[in-house]
N, C-alpha and C. Protein backbone atom coordinates (compact mmCIF):
# COMPACT_ATOMS: atom_id res chain seq x y z
N UNK A 1 -26.86 12.62 -17.07
CA UNK A 1 -25.90 12.77 -16.09
C UNK A 1 -26.51 11.88 -15.12
N UNK A 2 -25.39 11.27 -14.44
CA UNK A 2 -25.74 10.47 -13.34
C UNK A 2 -26.30 11.56 -12.00
N UNK A 3 -27.50 11.02 -11.51
CA UNK A 3 -28.02 11.56 -10.27
C UNK A 3 -27.70 10.75 -8.95
N UNK A 4 -27.38 11.49 -7.93
CA UNK A 4 -27.44 10.65 -6.86
C UNK A 4 -28.20 10.77 -5.80
N UNK A 5 -28.21 9.52 -4.98
CA UNK A 5 -29.29 9.05 -4.27
C UNK A 5 -29.49 10.04 -3.32
N UNK A 6 -30.70 10.39 -2.39
CA UNK A 6 -30.60 11.29 -1.26
C UNK A 6 -29.73 10.66 -0.11
N UNK A 7 -30.11 9.00 -0.15
CA UNK A 7 -29.31 8.51 0.94
C UNK A 7 -27.83 8.67 1.16
N UNK A 8 -27.11 8.74 -0.15
CA UNK A 8 -25.71 8.94 -0.56
C UNK A 8 -25.20 10.14 -0.17
N UNK A 9 -26.29 11.35 -0.67
CA UNK A 9 -25.58 12.50 -0.57
C UNK A 9 -26.08 12.74 0.93
N UNK A 10 -26.85 12.33 1.97
CA UNK A 10 -26.95 12.85 3.22
C UNK A 10 -25.64 12.22 3.98
N UNK A 11 -25.37 11.12 3.70
CA UNK A 11 -24.05 10.40 4.23
C UNK A 11 -22.84 11.02 3.91
N UNK A 12 -22.79 11.42 2.80
CA UNK A 12 -21.39 12.63 2.23
C UNK A 12 -21.35 13.54 3.18
N UNK A 13 -22.66 14.37 3.45
CA UNK A 13 -22.82 15.31 3.78
C UNK A 13 -22.56 15.33 5.72
N UNK A 14 -22.93 13.88 6.16
CA UNK A 14 -22.45 14.05 7.36
C UNK A 14 -21.21 13.50 7.50
N UNK A 15 -20.51 12.99 6.83
CA UNK A 15 -19.04 12.76 6.75
C UNK A 15 -18.28 14.09 6.44
N UNK A 16 -18.77 14.82 5.78
CA UNK A 16 -18.00 16.36 5.83
C UNK A 16 -18.39 17.28 7.36
N UNK A 17 -19.29 16.90 7.65
CA UNK A 17 -19.44 17.37 9.09
C UNK A 17 -18.75 16.81 10.16
N UNK A 18 -18.71 15.61 10.28
CA UNK A 18 -17.88 15.38 11.13
C UNK A 18 -16.58 15.24 11.39
N UNK A 19 -15.96 15.42 9.91
CA UNK A 19 -14.85 15.48 9.64
C UNK A 19 -14.14 17.08 10.24
N UNK A 20 -14.77 18.02 10.07
CA UNK A 20 -14.73 19.30 10.66
C UNK A 20 -15.28 19.50 11.94
N UNK A 21 -15.39 18.69 12.39
CA UNK A 21 -15.97 19.01 13.76
C UNK A 21 -14.93 18.99 14.82
N UNK A 22 -15.04 20.15 15.48
CA UNK A 22 -13.68 20.46 16.53
C UNK A 22 -12.76 21.27 16.03
N UNK A 23 -12.90 22.16 14.49
CA UNK A 23 -12.01 22.93 14.17
C UNK A 23 -12.12 24.17 15.10
N UNK A 24 -11.03 24.86 15.34
CA UNK A 24 -10.71 26.17 16.22
C UNK A 24 -10.66 27.30 15.28
N UNK A 25 -10.93 28.37 15.78
CA UNK A 25 -10.77 29.71 15.22
C UNK A 25 -10.64 30.54 16.28
N UNK A 26 -9.86 31.79 16.02
CA UNK A 26 -10.00 32.76 16.82
C UNK A 26 -10.61 34.39 15.90
N UNK A 27 -11.45 34.98 16.81
CA UNK A 27 -12.23 35.65 16.41
C UNK A 27 -11.79 36.92 16.89
N UNK A 28 -11.51 38.20 16.40
CA UNK A 28 -11.15 39.48 17.24
C UNK A 28 -12.14 40.01 18.07
N UNK A 29 -12.07 40.53 19.25
CA UNK A 29 -13.32 41.29 19.50
C UNK A 29 -12.81 42.70 19.30
N UNK A 30 -13.17 43.15 18.42
CA UNK A 30 -13.15 44.53 17.85
C UNK A 30 -14.33 44.92 17.16
N UNK A 31 -14.48 46.32 16.73
CA UNK A 31 -15.81 47.32 16.11
C UNK A 31 -15.50 46.51 14.29
N UNK A 32 -16.31 46.62 14.15
CA UNK A 32 -16.29 46.59 12.55
C UNK A 32 -15.95 45.30 12.22
N UNK A 33 -15.76 45.29 10.96
CA UNK A 33 -15.58 43.74 9.82
C UNK A 33 -14.12 43.39 10.31
N UNK A 34 -14.56 42.03 10.52
CA UNK A 34 -13.41 40.94 10.74
C UNK A 34 -12.23 40.98 9.42
N UNK A 35 -11.31 41.73 9.49
CA UNK A 35 -10.55 41.83 8.40
C UNK A 35 -9.46 40.31 9.01
N UNK A 36 -8.32 40.93 8.57
CA UNK A 36 -6.97 39.55 8.71
C UNK A 36 -6.82 39.76 10.18
N UNK A 37 -6.26 38.60 10.29
CA UNK A 37 -5.88 38.10 11.98
C UNK A 37 -4.72 39.52 12.38
N UNK A 38 -3.96 40.21 11.46
CA UNK A 38 -2.80 40.71 11.76
C UNK A 38 -3.06 42.10 11.72
N UNK A 39 -4.48 42.76 11.59
CA UNK A 39 -4.84 43.95 11.46
C UNK A 39 -4.65 44.52 12.89
N UNK A 40 -4.54 43.86 13.73
CA UNK A 40 -5.12 44.18 15.11
C UNK A 40 -4.38 43.15 16.38
N UNK A 41 -3.11 43.12 16.18
CA UNK A 41 -2.47 41.86 17.02
C UNK A 41 -2.83 42.08 18.69
N UNK A 42 -2.90 43.05 19.12
CA UNK A 42 -3.09 43.44 20.36
C UNK A 42 -4.45 42.99 21.00
N UNK A 43 -5.51 42.82 20.10
CA UNK A 43 -6.84 42.61 20.52
C UNK A 43 -6.97 41.50 20.97
N UNK A 44 -8.06 41.38 21.92
CA UNK A 44 -8.35 40.30 22.70
C UNK A 44 -9.27 39.24 21.48
N UNK A 45 -9.13 38.27 21.92
CA UNK A 45 -9.55 36.85 20.95
C UNK A 45 -10.70 36.23 21.41
N UNK A 46 -11.48 35.79 20.64
CA UNK A 46 -12.73 34.48 21.11
C UNK A 46 -12.33 33.45 20.57
N UNK A 47 -12.13 32.36 21.07
CA UNK A 47 -11.57 30.64 20.64
C UNK A 47 -13.08 30.37 20.40
N UNK A 48 -13.13 30.00 19.12
CA UNK A 48 -14.75 29.11 18.66
C UNK A 48 -14.07 27.86 18.03
N UNK A 49 -15.25 27.23 18.57
CA UNK A 49 -15.02 25.79 17.65
C UNK A 49 -16.15 24.97 17.40
N UNK A 50 -16.07 24.53 16.25
CA UNK A 50 -16.90 23.95 15.08
C UNK A 50 -17.61 22.74 15.61
N UNK A 51 -18.97 23.10 16.01
CA UNK A 51 -19.57 21.85 16.41
C UNK A 51 -20.11 20.83 15.11
N UNK A 52 -20.48 21.34 14.06
CA UNK A 52 -20.57 20.41 12.89
C UNK A 52 -22.20 21.39 12.25
N UNK A 53 -22.34 22.44 13.14
CA UNK A 53 -23.96 23.32 12.83
C UNK A 53 -23.32 24.57 12.70
N UNK A 54 -22.85 24.94 13.95
CA UNK A 54 -22.49 26.29 14.44
C UNK A 54 -20.96 26.55 15.02
N UNK A 55 -20.78 27.86 15.13
CA UNK A 55 -19.13 28.08 15.83
C UNK A 55 -19.79 28.20 17.04
N UNK A 56 -19.34 27.59 18.19
CA UNK A 56 -19.73 27.91 19.79
C UNK A 56 -18.34 28.14 20.64
N UNK A 57 -18.60 29.05 20.95
CA UNK A 57 -17.69 29.87 21.81
C UNK A 57 -17.24 28.90 23.27
N UNK A 58 -15.57 29.02 23.15
CA UNK A 58 -15.14 27.94 24.33
C UNK A 58 -14.23 28.86 25.23
N UNK A 59 -13.58 29.95 24.66
CA UNK A 59 -13.02 30.93 25.64
C UNK A 59 -12.58 31.99 24.97
N UNK A 60 -11.29 32.91 25.82
CA UNK A 60 -10.96 34.11 25.18
C UNK A 60 -9.83 34.15 25.55
N UNK A 61 -8.82 34.40 24.71
CA UNK A 61 -7.50 35.06 25.04
C UNK A 61 -7.11 36.55 24.90
N UNK A 62 -6.01 36.63 25.40
CA UNK A 62 -5.61 38.17 25.38
C UNK A 62 -5.20 38.91 24.07
N UNK A 63 -4.51 37.91 23.25
CA UNK A 63 -3.91 38.60 22.07
C UNK A 63 -3.61 37.79 20.74
N UNK A 64 -3.09 37.96 20.03
CA UNK A 64 -3.03 37.17 18.49
C UNK A 64 -1.92 35.92 19.28
N UNK A 65 -0.86 36.36 19.78
CA UNK A 65 0.08 35.42 20.26
C UNK A 65 -0.21 34.26 20.77
N UNK A 66 -1.45 34.63 21.74
CA UNK A 66 -1.71 33.82 22.79
C UNK A 66 -2.90 32.71 21.91
N UNK A 67 -3.38 33.51 21.03
CA UNK A 67 -4.38 32.77 20.12
C UNK A 67 -3.62 31.54 19.08
N UNK A 68 -2.46 32.10 18.35
CA UNK A 68 -1.77 31.26 17.54
C UNK A 68 -1.26 30.26 18.42
N UNK A 69 -0.95 30.24 19.63
CA UNK A 69 -0.13 29.42 20.76
C UNK A 69 -1.32 28.29 21.07
N UNK A 70 -2.60 28.61 21.14
CA UNK A 70 -3.65 27.58 21.39
C UNK A 70 -3.99 27.11 19.88
N UNK A 71 -4.26 27.69 19.17
CA UNK A 71 -4.47 27.03 17.92
C UNK A 71 -3.41 26.33 17.32
N UNK A 72 -2.16 26.44 17.36
CA UNK A 72 -1.10 25.92 16.29
C UNK A 72 -0.21 25.38 17.26
N UNK A 73 0.08 24.46 18.54
CA UNK A 73 0.46 24.07 19.41
C UNK A 73 1.89 23.27 18.77
N UNK A 74 3.08 23.61 19.70
CA UNK A 74 4.16 23.10 18.96
C UNK A 74 4.13 21.59 18.60
N UNK A 75 4.69 21.21 17.60
CA UNK A 75 4.68 19.63 17.55
C UNK A 75 5.97 19.04 18.36
N UNK A 76 5.75 17.71 18.44
CA UNK A 76 6.85 17.22 19.51
C UNK A 76 7.94 17.22 18.27
N UNK A 77 8.90 17.37 19.17
CA UNK A 77 10.53 17.17 18.43
C UNK A 77 10.76 15.51 18.15
N UNK A 78 10.70 15.09 16.54
CA UNK A 78 11.18 13.91 16.55
C UNK A 78 12.74 13.56 16.83
N UNK A 79 13.25 12.44 17.58
CA UNK A 79 14.54 12.47 17.83
C UNK A 79 15.22 11.62 16.70
N UNK A 80 16.16 12.26 16.48
CA UNK A 80 17.15 11.74 14.97
C UNK A 80 17.49 10.37 15.38
N UNK A 81 17.78 9.25 14.71
CA UNK A 81 18.38 7.87 14.99
C UNK A 81 19.83 8.81 15.02
N UNK A 82 20.60 7.42 16.04
CA UNK A 82 22.23 7.69 16.05
C UNK A 82 22.83 7.32 14.95
N UNK A 83 23.44 8.35 14.29
CA UNK A 83 24.44 7.93 13.36
C UNK A 83 25.15 6.62 13.47
N UNK A 84 25.25 6.24 12.21
CA UNK A 84 26.12 4.94 11.93
C UNK A 84 27.73 4.90 12.03
N UNK A 85 28.54 4.10 12.51
CA UNK A 85 29.78 4.19 12.40
C UNK A 85 30.22 4.49 11.19
N UNK A 86 30.82 5.47 10.86
CA UNK A 86 31.27 5.26 9.36
C UNK A 86 32.94 5.24 9.36
N UNK A 87 33.46 4.10 8.13
CA UNK A 87 34.82 3.87 8.10
C UNK A 87 35.75 5.22 7.95
N UNK A 88 36.96 5.15 8.42
CA UNK A 88 37.75 6.17 8.51
C UNK A 88 38.10 6.25 7.29
N UNK A 89 38.71 7.52 6.84
CA UNK A 89 38.69 7.63 5.49
C UNK A 89 40.13 7.43 5.11
N UNK A 90 40.83 6.74 3.89
CA UNK A 90 41.89 6.23 3.57
C UNK A 90 42.77 7.54 3.54
N UNK A 91 44.09 7.13 3.20
CA UNK A 91 45.10 8.26 2.52
C UNK A 91 44.71 8.59 1.10
N UNK A 92 45.27 9.84 0.88
CA UNK A 92 45.29 10.41 -0.65
C UNK A 92 44.53 11.37 -0.42
N UNK A 93 44.45 12.24 -2.05
CA UNK A 93 43.74 13.32 -2.22
C UNK A 93 42.26 13.42 -2.01
N UNK A 94 41.37 12.53 -1.70
CA UNK A 94 40.11 12.43 -1.65
C UNK A 94 39.41 12.59 -2.75
N UNK A 95 40.07 12.00 -4.10
CA UNK A 95 39.15 12.27 -5.07
C UNK A 95 37.67 11.22 -4.86
N UNK A 96 36.66 11.72 -5.35
CA UNK A 96 35.35 10.83 -4.90
C UNK A 96 34.93 10.24 -6.57
N UNK A 97 35.61 10.56 -7.33
CA UNK A 97 35.09 9.94 -8.87
C UNK A 97 36.45 9.31 -9.73
N UNK A 98 36.25 8.35 -10.34
CA UNK A 98 37.40 7.78 -11.07
C UNK A 98 37.84 9.00 -12.60
N UNK A 99 38.92 9.28 -13.07
CA UNK A 99 38.86 9.99 -14.15
C UNK A 99 38.46 9.46 -15.24
N UNK A 100 37.64 10.20 -16.27
CA UNK A 100 37.09 9.50 -17.64
C UNK A 100 38.17 9.67 -18.50
N UNK A 101 38.17 8.92 -19.35
CA UNK A 101 39.27 8.77 -20.43
C UNK A 101 39.93 10.24 -20.70
N UNK A 102 38.86 11.12 -21.21
CA UNK A 102 39.60 12.19 -21.84
C UNK A 102 40.40 13.11 -20.94
N UNK A 103 39.80 12.91 -19.48
CA UNK A 103 40.45 13.77 -18.39
C UNK A 103 42.16 12.91 -18.24
N UNK A 104 42.01 11.70 -18.48
CA UNK A 104 43.41 11.20 -18.37
C UNK A 104 44.32 11.36 -19.57
N UNK A 105 43.61 11.65 -20.95
CA UNK A 105 44.65 12.22 -21.86
C UNK A 105 45.40 13.59 -21.63
N UNK A 106 44.23 14.65 -20.94
CA UNK A 106 44.69 16.04 -20.60
C UNK A 106 45.96 15.78 -19.76
N UNK A 107 46.00 14.84 -18.66
CA UNK A 107 47.12 15.04 -17.65
C UNK A 107 48.23 14.74 -18.10
């Protein structure tokens, strides 16, 4: 089996740590174990940021809705391109395909 050098392992570890730096999470300020975020939506939350080695407290919010607004801000709305000018429809029944030879015999 191929063994990885210590330098390669340390470089990969540092890349993983740097990639996760700045990640935010909301932890409820309640008694007992921290379960799902939906358990007590009215409880205040502590906002923490990952520094690469530990979670550091950066602030508090009033409830779950405020925490979600902070952790997941709305994305900017993309402007849709203007539609191109479509040609006017011609006269007729509006058939979108030619009939197959079998359909012509049935008529």
